[in-house]
Amino acid sequence: MFSIQSKWRYLIMFLGIQLVVMALLSREGYQKRVTYFIRIFRKPDGGALSGRNHTTPTISGGDVYANLSHLPKAHGHRDDMPYCPKTSPLIGGPIHVSFPSRLSLAEVERKNPLVVRGGRYRPPDCVARHRTAIIIPHRHREHHLKFLLYYLHPFLQRQQLTYGIYVIHQAGNYTFNRAKLMNAGFREAMKEEDWDCLFFHDVDLIPEDDRNTYVCDSNPKHAAIAMDKFGYKLPYKMYFGGVSALTPLHYLKMNGFPNNYWGWGGEDDDIGVRVSLAGMYITRPSLKVGRYKMIKHKLDKGNDVNPKRFNMLAKTRQTWRTDGMNTVEYEVISREYLPLYTNITVNIGTEAGLHPPPRTPTPAPKAEAKDVAEKLKEK
């Protein structure tokens, strides 16, 4: 006869074995099941929370401008100015993100007095350790742009970076080409300054944690690892979309970005494959830090889904060396140094090229030409 104590022991062992089997069948729920199992059989200690309300706390963020109020109102750069700390004391962690309907660019400008013409900034009380350019491919998204600028300027200032923001605007109404615009943005930004890191940033993604530092790693970095539209999870391993960072050397090694993805989709995966083919790998922040909120919107006019994207992706291994920064063609139409950013409008052409050859008129058939000549004689 088993004692009551022995029965409980075997019952606990049986439940434990069941738990392991269930965990192996559903690895995603492993941690939750283990925690639940431990809670059932662990004696509660006096300092622990008791009751039924054992819920995971939601991440609540603070005002992105909160830590900037004590900064000097004017630049006082001196030759003996110290370098900024390796970890900025202004970083505060999670940021509250919302989209007030009455926000204007004038309000964003007022809240960022240290940002100078062209969207440039440098810390007023120390020498930045990093110089970062933000490249934003753009067309007809002014409403989203003002929200991004509202959050991105203080976000970068809290990290004590020297930075510049470039909006690369596609001229005309031909199908949108995000990757080609990023190629143009890289070239134009590097003409102006020797940036040591370039962030390629979708206009509709707002960072939610300033511990997600906008500096480059030793390998290409994918910063937008946890978007709200994907449930704050990475959708798949090779995903490289939304917000990514490269040094100039990374960019050269992978031959930049493809120029032939017209419309929505495919170019992010092509870029991710290029990283691997160039002998590098993708780095990422943690899911807790690399969080982004997407401004909800419908698919843009002129940016329809690219039906050729899967066929093109299958050929990346053969095309990445011959299609990229070494073949990009575009024309700068205008360059405007606005209070909050540098706007560069470019003509990137069409699938037929930057300047497709003019169509030659089709000659009239000989019989038709003869009839016309005879009618002219009758007159």
Protein backbone atom coordinates (compact mmCIF):
# COMPACT_ATOMS: atom_id res chain seq x y z
CA MET A 1 0.00 0.00 0.00
CA PHE A 2 1.28 3.37 -0.94
CA SER A 3 1.10 6.09 1.65
CA ILE A 4 -0.79 9.31 0.87
CA GLN A 5 2.55 11.13 0.66
CA SER A 6 3.86 8.61 -1.92
CA LYS A 7 0.70 9.01 -4.02
CA TRP A 8 1.20 12.78 -4.12
CA ARG A 9 4.85 12.30 -5.07
CA TYR A 10 3.96 10.05 -8.02
CA LEU A 11 1.11 12.35 -9.03
CA ILE A 12 3.53 15.28 -9.13
CA MET A 13 6.02 13.24 -11.18
CA PHE A 14 3.25 12.25 -13.61
CA LEU A 15 2.17 15.86 -14.01
CA GLY A 16 5.79 16.89 -14.54
CA ILE A 17 6.27 14.33 -17.33
CA GLN A 18 3.04 15.52 -18.95
CA LEU A 19 4.29 19.08 -18.78
CA VAL A 20 7.58 18.22 -20.52
CA VAL A 21 5.74 16.40 -23.31
CA MET A 22 3.33 19.30 -23.78
CA ALA A 23 6.22 21.74 -23.83
CA LEU A 24 8.02 19.78 -26.52
CA LEU A 25 4.86 19.74 -28.60
CA SER A 26 4.36 23.47 -28.16
CA ARG A 27 7.72 25.18 -27.59
CA GLU A 28 6.16 28.64 -27.69
CA GLY A 29 4.19 27.93 -24.51
CA TYR A 30 7.07 26.28 -22.67
CA GLN A 31 7.97 29.15 -20.39
CA LYS A 32 4.38 29.88 -19.39
CA ARG A 33 3.68 26.22 -18.57
CA VAL A 34 6.81 25.85 -16.47
CA THR A 35 5.96 29.01 -14.54
CA TYR A 36 2.41 27.78 -13.96
CA PHE A 37 3.64 24.38 -12.78
CA ILE A 38 6.08 25.95 -10.32
CA ARG A 39 3.42 28.29 -8.95
CA ILE A 40 1.10 25.37 -8.18
CA PHE A 41 3.60 23.46 -6.06
CA ARG A 42 5.74 26.29 -4.66
CA LYS A 43 5.00 27.52 -1.15
CA PRO A 44 4.12 31.23 -1.25
CA ASP A 45 6.69 33.40 0.49
CA GLY A 46 5.75 36.44 2.52
CA GLY A 47 7.22 38.97 0.08
CA ALA A 48 5.49 37.58 -2.99
CA LEU A 49 2.34 39.03 -4.49
CA SER A 50 -0.73 37.00 -3.65
CA GLY A 51 -4.16 36.79 -5.22
CA ARG A 52 -5.44 36.10 -8.71
CA ASN A 53 -4.08 39.15 -10.54
CA HIS A 54 -0.86 37.63 -11.91
CA THR A 55 -0.92 39.41 -15.28
CA THR A 56 2.02 40.47 -17.43
CA PRO A 57 2.46 44.25 -17.03
CA THR A 58 2.03 46.29 -20.18
CA ILE A 59 4.91 48.51 -21.25
CA SER A 60 4.00 52.10 -20.46
CA GLY A 61 6.18 54.79 -21.98
CA GLY A 62 7.10 58.31 -21.04
CA ASP A 63 7.17 61.61 -22.94
CA VAL A 64 9.90 61.51 -25.59
CA TYR A 65 10.77 65.17 -24.87
CA ALA A 66 10.96 64.77 -21.07
CA ASN A 67 14.74 64.39 -20.69
CA LEU A 68 15.70 67.27 -22.99
CA SER A 69 14.46 70.24 -20.96
CA HIS A 70 17.79 70.84 -19.15
CA LEU A 71 19.91 71.02 -22.32
CA PRO A 72 21.52 74.39 -23.15
CA LYS A 73 19.39 76.40 -25.55
CA ALA A 74 22.35 77.23 -27.79
CA HIS A 75 25.44 75.37 -29.00
CA GLY A 76 28.55 76.26 -27.06
CA HIS A 77 31.12 74.07 -28.78
CA ARG A 78 34.67 74.59 -27.59
CA ASP A 79 37.95 72.91 -28.50
CA ASP A 80 38.20 71.37 -25.03
CA MET A 81 34.64 69.96 -25.00
CA PRO A 82 34.57 66.38 -23.66
CA TYR A 83 33.23 63.40 -25.55
CA CYS A 84 29.70 62.32 -24.72
CA PRO A 85 29.41 59.32 -22.38
CA LYS A 86 29.38 55.89 -24.02
CA THR A 87 25.85 55.44 -22.68
CA SER A 88 23.78 58.59 -22.82
CA PRO A 89 22.34 59.68 -19.44
CA LEU A 90 19.33 61.07 -21.33
CA ILE A 91 18.06 57.64 -22.41
CA GLY A 92 14.82 56.82 -20.63
CA GLY A 93 13.60 53.54 -22.14
CA PRO A 94 9.99 53.03 -23.32
CA ILE A 95 8.29 55.96 -25.09
CA HIS A 96 4.58 56.69 -25.24
CA VAL A 97 3.51 56.98 -28.90
CA SER A 98 0.23 58.51 -30.04
CA PHE A 99 -0.87 60.42 -33.13
CA PRO A 100 -2.64 63.70 -32.27
CA SER A 101 -4.74 64.93 -35.16
CA ARG A 102 -3.77 68.61 -34.79
CA LEU A 103 0.01 68.13 -34.88
CA SER A 104 1.79 70.48 -37.31
CA LEU A 105 5.37 70.78 -38.55
CA ALA A 106 5.49 74.21 -36.90
CA GLU A 107 4.85 72.55 -33.53
CA VAL A 108 7.57 69.96 -34.20
CA GLU A 109 9.98 72.76 -35.09
CA ARG A 110 9.10 74.67 -31.91
CA LYS A 111 9.79 71.64 -29.73
CA ASN A 112 13.23 71.08 -31.32
CA PRO A 113 15.08 74.42 -30.98
CA LEU A 114 18.54 72.85 -31.36
CA VAL A 115 17.81 71.28 -34.75
CA VAL A 116 19.34 73.45 -37.45
CA ARG A 117 18.62 73.94 -41.14
CA GLY A 118 18.49 70.69 -43.10
CA GLY A 119 17.47 68.62 -40.05
CA ARG A 120 20.96 68.56 -38.53
CA TYR A 121 21.78 68.22 -34.85
CA ARG A 122 24.79 67.82 -32.60
CA PRO A 123 24.82 67.63 -28.80
CA PRO A 124 25.26 71.11 -27.28
CA ASP A 125 27.38 70.08 -24.29
CA CYS A 126 29.62 67.23 -25.54
CA VAL A 127 31.20 65.79 -28.68
CA ALA A 128 29.13 62.93 -30.13
CA ARG A 129 30.80 59.55 -30.50
CA HIS A 130 28.63 58.61 -33.49
CA ARG A 131 27.48 60.32 -36.69
CA THR A 132 24.25 58.90 -38.12
CA ALA A 133 22.29 59.78 -41.27
CA ILE A 134 18.61 58.85 -41.47
CA ILE A 135 17.41 58.04 -45.02
CA ILE A 136 13.62 58.10 -45.53
CA PRO A 137 12.23 56.98 -48.94
CA HIS A 138 9.11 59.03 -49.55
CA ARG A 139 6.23 60.05 -51.78
CA HIS A 140 2.82 61.51 -50.84
CA ARG A 141 3.26 60.66 -47.14
CA GLU A 142 3.52 64.13 -45.57
CA HIS A 143 0.95 63.23 -42.90
CA HIS A 144 3.11 60.32 -41.71
CA LEU A 145 6.32 62.31 -42.01
CA LYS A 146 5.29 64.93 -39.44
CA PHE A 147 4.64 62.21 -36.83
CA LEU A 148 7.97 60.51 -37.55
CA LEU A 149 9.82 63.83 -37.22
CA TYR A 150 7.96 64.63 -33.99
CA TYR A 151 9.29 61.46 -32.34
CA LEU A 152 12.55 60.85 -34.18
CA HIS A 153 14.25 64.17 -33.43
CA PRO A 154 14.03 63.92 -29.61
CA PHE A 155 14.63 60.15 -29.80
CA LEU A 156 18.01 60.76 -31.48
CA GLN A 157 18.86 63.72 -29.23
CA ARG A 158 18.37 61.55 -26.14
CA GLN A 159 21.04 59.24 -27.58
CA GLN A 160 23.50 62.16 -27.91
CA LEU A 161 24.17 61.56 -31.60
CA THR A 162 25.30 63.92 -34.31
CA TYR A 163 22.70 63.27 -36.99
CA GLY A 164 21.00 64.46 -40.16
CA ILE A 165 17.62 63.49 -41.61
CA TYR A 166 17.24 63.08 -45.38
CA VAL A 167 13.86 62.62 -47.07
CA ILE A 168 14.34 61.15 -50.56
CA HIS A 169 11.24 62.05 -52.54
CA GLN A 170 10.37 60.18 -55.74
CA ALA A 171 9.24 62.59 -58.48
CA GLY A 172 6.37 61.78 -60.82
CA ASN A 173 3.61 59.22 -60.58
CA TYR A 174 5.36 56.09 -61.81
CA THR A 175 5.36 53.01 -59.57
CA PHE A 176 7.20 53.54 -56.27
CA ASN A 177 10.69 52.04 -55.89
CA ARG A 178 11.79 52.09 -52.25
CA ALA A 179 15.17 50.37 -52.66
CA LYS A 180 16.29 52.57 -55.57
CA LEU A 181 15.40 55.66 -53.52
CA MET A 182 17.57 54.31 -50.69
CA ASN A 183 20.48 53.90 -53.13
CA ALA A 184 20.05 57.52 -54.18
CA GLY A 185 19.78 58.58 -50.53
CA PHE A 186 23.01 56.84 -49.58
CA ARG A 187 24.94 58.52 -52.37
CA GLU A 188 23.52 62.00 -51.74
CA ALA A 189 23.99 61.83 -47.96
CA MET A 190 27.60 60.67 -48.27
CA LYS A 191 28.32 63.55 -50.66
CA GLU A 192 27.44 65.99 -47.89
CA GLU A 193 29.16 64.41 -44.90
CA ASP A 194 31.31 61.46 -43.91
CA TRP A 195 28.60 59.60 -41.98
CA ASP A 196 29.76 56.51 -40.09
CA CYS A 197 26.27 54.95 -40.00
CA LEU A 198 23.17 55.19 -42.19
CA PHE A 199 19.68 54.19 -41.03
CA PHE A 200 17.17 53.39 -43.77
CA HIS A 201 13.82 54.23 -42.22
CA ASP A 202 10.22 53.69 -43.37
CA VAL A 203 8.18 56.84 -42.86
CA ASP A 204 5.33 55.06 -41.05
CA LEU A 205 7.34 53.38 -38.26
CA ILE A 206 7.79 55.12 -34.89
CA PRO A 207 10.40 53.76 -32.42
CA GLU A 208 9.01 53.02 -28.95
CA ASP A 209 12.19 52.65 -26.89
CA ASP A 210 15.25 54.90 -27.01
CA ARG A 211 17.51 52.08 -25.78
CA ASN A 212 17.27 50.96 -29.41
CA THR A 213 20.32 53.04 -30.28
CA TYR A 214 20.68 54.39 -33.81
CA VAL A 215 24.33 53.43 -34.20
CA CYS A 216 25.78 50.71 -36.41
CA ASP A 217 27.07 47.32 -35.34
CA SER A 218 29.97 45.34 -36.76
CA ASN A 219 27.44 43.68 -39.11
CA PRO A 220 24.28 45.06 -40.78
CA LYS A 221 21.60 45.76 -38.18
CA HIS A 222 17.86 45.22 -38.43
CA ALA A 223 16.40 47.60 -35.85
CA ALA A 224 12.64 47.08 -36.37
CA ILE A 225 12.54 43.57 -34.94
CA ALA A 226 9.23 43.98 -33.06
CA MET A 227 6.45 45.87 -34.85
CA ASP A 228 2.96 46.13 -33.45
CA LYS A 229 1.46 44.91 -36.75
CA PHE A 230 3.32 41.60 -36.26
CA GLY A 231 2.36 41.31 -32.59
CA TYR A 232 5.79 42.66 -31.56
CA LYS A 233 7.49 39.54 -32.92
CA LEU A 234 9.92 38.94 -35.79
CA PRO A 235 7.77 37.62 -38.68
CA TYR A 236 10.57 35.40 -40.06
CA LYS A 237 14.30 34.96 -39.59
CA MET A 238 15.59 36.75 -42.70
CA TYR A 239 13.21 39.71 -42.41
CA PHE A 240 15.15 42.95 -42.92
CA GLY A 241 12.33 45.46 -43.43
CA GLY A 242 11.15 48.66 -41.82
CA VAL A 243 14.29 50.10 -40.25
CA SER A 244 17.82 48.85 -40.94
CA ALA A 245 21.34 50.19 -40.47
CA LEU A 246 24.55 49.88 -42.49
CA THR A 247 28.00 51.39 -42.34
CA PRO A 248 29.36 52.63 -45.68
CA LEU A 249 31.59 49.54 -45.75
CA HIS A 250 28.61 47.21 -45.28
CA TYR A 251 26.81 49.00 -48.09
CA LEU A 252 29.75 48.63 -50.48
CA LYS A 253 30.30 44.96 -49.63
CA MET A 254 26.70 44.03 -50.50
CA ASN A 255 26.57 46.33 -53.56
CA GLY A 256 23.86 48.44 -51.98
CA PHE A 257 20.24 47.68 -52.75
CA PRO A 258 18.45 46.29 -55.84
CA ASN A 259 17.10 48.84 -58.34
CA ASN A 260 14.52 46.67 -60.09
CA TYR A 261 11.81 46.17 -57.43
CA TRP A 262 8.97 48.41 -58.62
CA GLY A 263 5.96 48.34 -56.30
CA TRP A 264 5.38 46.85 -52.87
CA GLY A 265 7.30 43.84 -51.58
CA GLY A 266 10.41 41.77 -52.20
CA GLU A 267 13.20 44.30 -51.83
CA ASP A 268 13.58 43.74 -48.06
CA ASP A 269 14.15 40.02 -48.56
CA ASP A 270 16.54 40.67 -51.45
CA ILE A 271 18.57 42.95 -49.17
CA GLY A 272 18.59 40.32 -46.42
CA VAL A 273 19.92 37.75 -48.90
CA ARG A 274 22.61 40.21 -50.04
CA VAL A 275 23.84 40.52 -46.46
CA SER A 276 24.44 36.76 -46.34
CA LEU A 277 25.95 36.55 -49.83
CA ALA A 278 28.42 39.29 -48.92
CA GLY A 279 29.71 37.21 -46.00
CA MET A 280 27.92 39.13 -43.25
CA TYR A 281 25.03 38.40 -40.91
CA ILE A 282 22.11 40.36 -39.47
CA THR A 283 22.28 41.71 -35.91
CA ARG A 284 19.22 42.80 -33.95
CA PRO A 285 18.30 44.43 -30.64
CA SER A 286 16.14 42.50 -28.20
CA LEU A 287 12.40 42.14 -28.76
CA LYS A 288 11.87 44.27 -25.66
CA VAL A 289 13.89 47.18 -27.07
CA GLY A 290 13.41 47.02 -30.85
CA ARG A 291 9.71 47.93 -30.69
CA TYR A 292 7.95 50.07 -33.31
CA LYS A 293 4.41 51.33 -33.78
CA MET A 294 3.14 51.56 -37.35
CA ILE A 295 0.91 54.41 -38.47
CA LYS A 296 -2.07 52.58 -39.93
CA HIS A 297 -2.79 53.27 -43.59
CA LYS A 298 -3.94 51.65 -46.81
CA LEU A 299 -1.60 50.64 -49.63
CA ASP A 300 -0.48 53.79 -51.43
CA LYS A 301 -1.62 54.68 -54.91
CA GLY A 302 1.28 53.91 -57.22
CA ASN A 303 2.68 51.29 -54.84
CA ASP A 304 0.71 48.20 -55.79
CA VAL A 305 1.97 44.74 -54.87
CA ASN A 306 4.84 43.69 -57.12
CA PRO A 307 3.69 40.49 -58.90
CA LYS A 308 7.25 39.67 -60.05
CA ARG A 309 8.84 39.77 -56.58
CA PHE A 310 9.09 36.01 -55.96
CA ASN A 311 10.63 35.30 -59.36
CA MET A 312 13.11 38.13 -58.80
CA LEU A 313 14.03 36.88 -55.33
CA ALA A 314 14.83 33.46 -56.77
CA LYS A 315 17.52 35.12 -58.93
CA THR A 316 19.18 37.31 -56.26
CA ARG A 317 22.23 35.05 -56.09
CA GLN A 318 22.85 35.71 -59.79
CA THR A 319 21.93 39.42 -59.86
CA TRP A 320 23.24 41.04 -56.67
CA ARG A 321 26.68 41.87 -58.08
CA THR A 322 25.31 43.46 -61.26
CA ASP A 323 22.28 45.30 -59.88
CA GLY A 324 22.82 47.72 -57.04
CA MET A 325 24.86 50.76 -56.12
CA ASN A 326 27.16 50.17 -59.12
CA THR A 327 24.27 50.50 -61.59
CA VAL A 328 21.84 52.97 -59.97
CA GLU A 329 20.77 55.85 -62.22
CA TYR A 330 18.84 58.90 -61.07
CA GLU A 331 18.71 62.68 -61.42
CA VAL A 332 18.50 65.16 -58.55
CA ILE A 333 15.69 67.56 -59.38
CA SER A 334 15.93 69.69 -56.24
CA ARG A 335 17.60 69.82 -52.83
CA GLU A 336 15.87 71.81 -50.09
CA TYR A 337 17.33 72.46 -46.65
CA LEU A 338 14.16 72.71 -44.57
CA PRO A 339 14.05 73.40 -40.81
CA LEU A 340 13.51 69.74 -39.83
CA TYR A 341 15.03 67.74 -42.71
CA THR A 342 16.80 67.87 -46.05
CA ASN A 343 14.37 67.13 -48.88
CA ILE A 344 15.96 65.66 -52.01
CA THR A 345 13.59 65.14 -54.94
CA VAL A 346 14.88 62.66 -57.51
CA ASN A 347 13.86 61.29 -60.87
CA ILE A 348 14.53 57.55 -60.79
CA GLY A 349 12.94 56.82 -64.17
CA THR A 350 10.85 53.75 -64.92
CA GLU A 351 11.41 50.06 -65.59
CA ALA A 352 12.50 51.09 -69.10
CA GLY A 353 15.35 53.16 -67.65
CA LEU A 354 16.11 56.72 -66.62
CA HIS A 355 15.69 58.09 -70.15
CA PRO A 356 13.93 55.47 -72.26
CA PRO A 357 14.50 55.97 -76.02
CA PRO A 358 11.65 57.87 -77.70
CA ARG A 359 9.22 55.80 -79.68
CA THR A 360 9.73 56.16 -83.42
CA PRO A 361 6.47 56.77 -85.32
CA THR A 362 5.26 53.77 -87.25
CA PRO A 363 5.43 54.52 -91.01
CA ALA A 364 2.15 54.34 -92.89
CA PRO A 365 1.72 51.34 -95.19
CA LYS A 366 2.77 52.01 -98.78
CA ALA A 367 -0.75 51.56 -100.17
CA GLU A 368 -2.09 54.10 -97.69
CA ALA A 369 0.65 56.60 -98.57
CA LYS A 370 -0.17 56.23 -102.26
CA ASP A 371 -3.86 56.93 -101.64
CA VAL A 372 -2.98 60.09 -99.68
CA ALA A 373 -0.76 61.34 -102.55
CA GLU A 374 -3.52 60.78 -105.11
CA LYS A 375 -6.05 62.71 -102.97
CA LEU A 376 -3.63 65.63 -102.73
CA LYS A 377 -3.30 65.70 -106.55
CA GLU A 378 -7.10 65.80 -106.94
CA LYS A 379 -7.21 68.91 -104.75
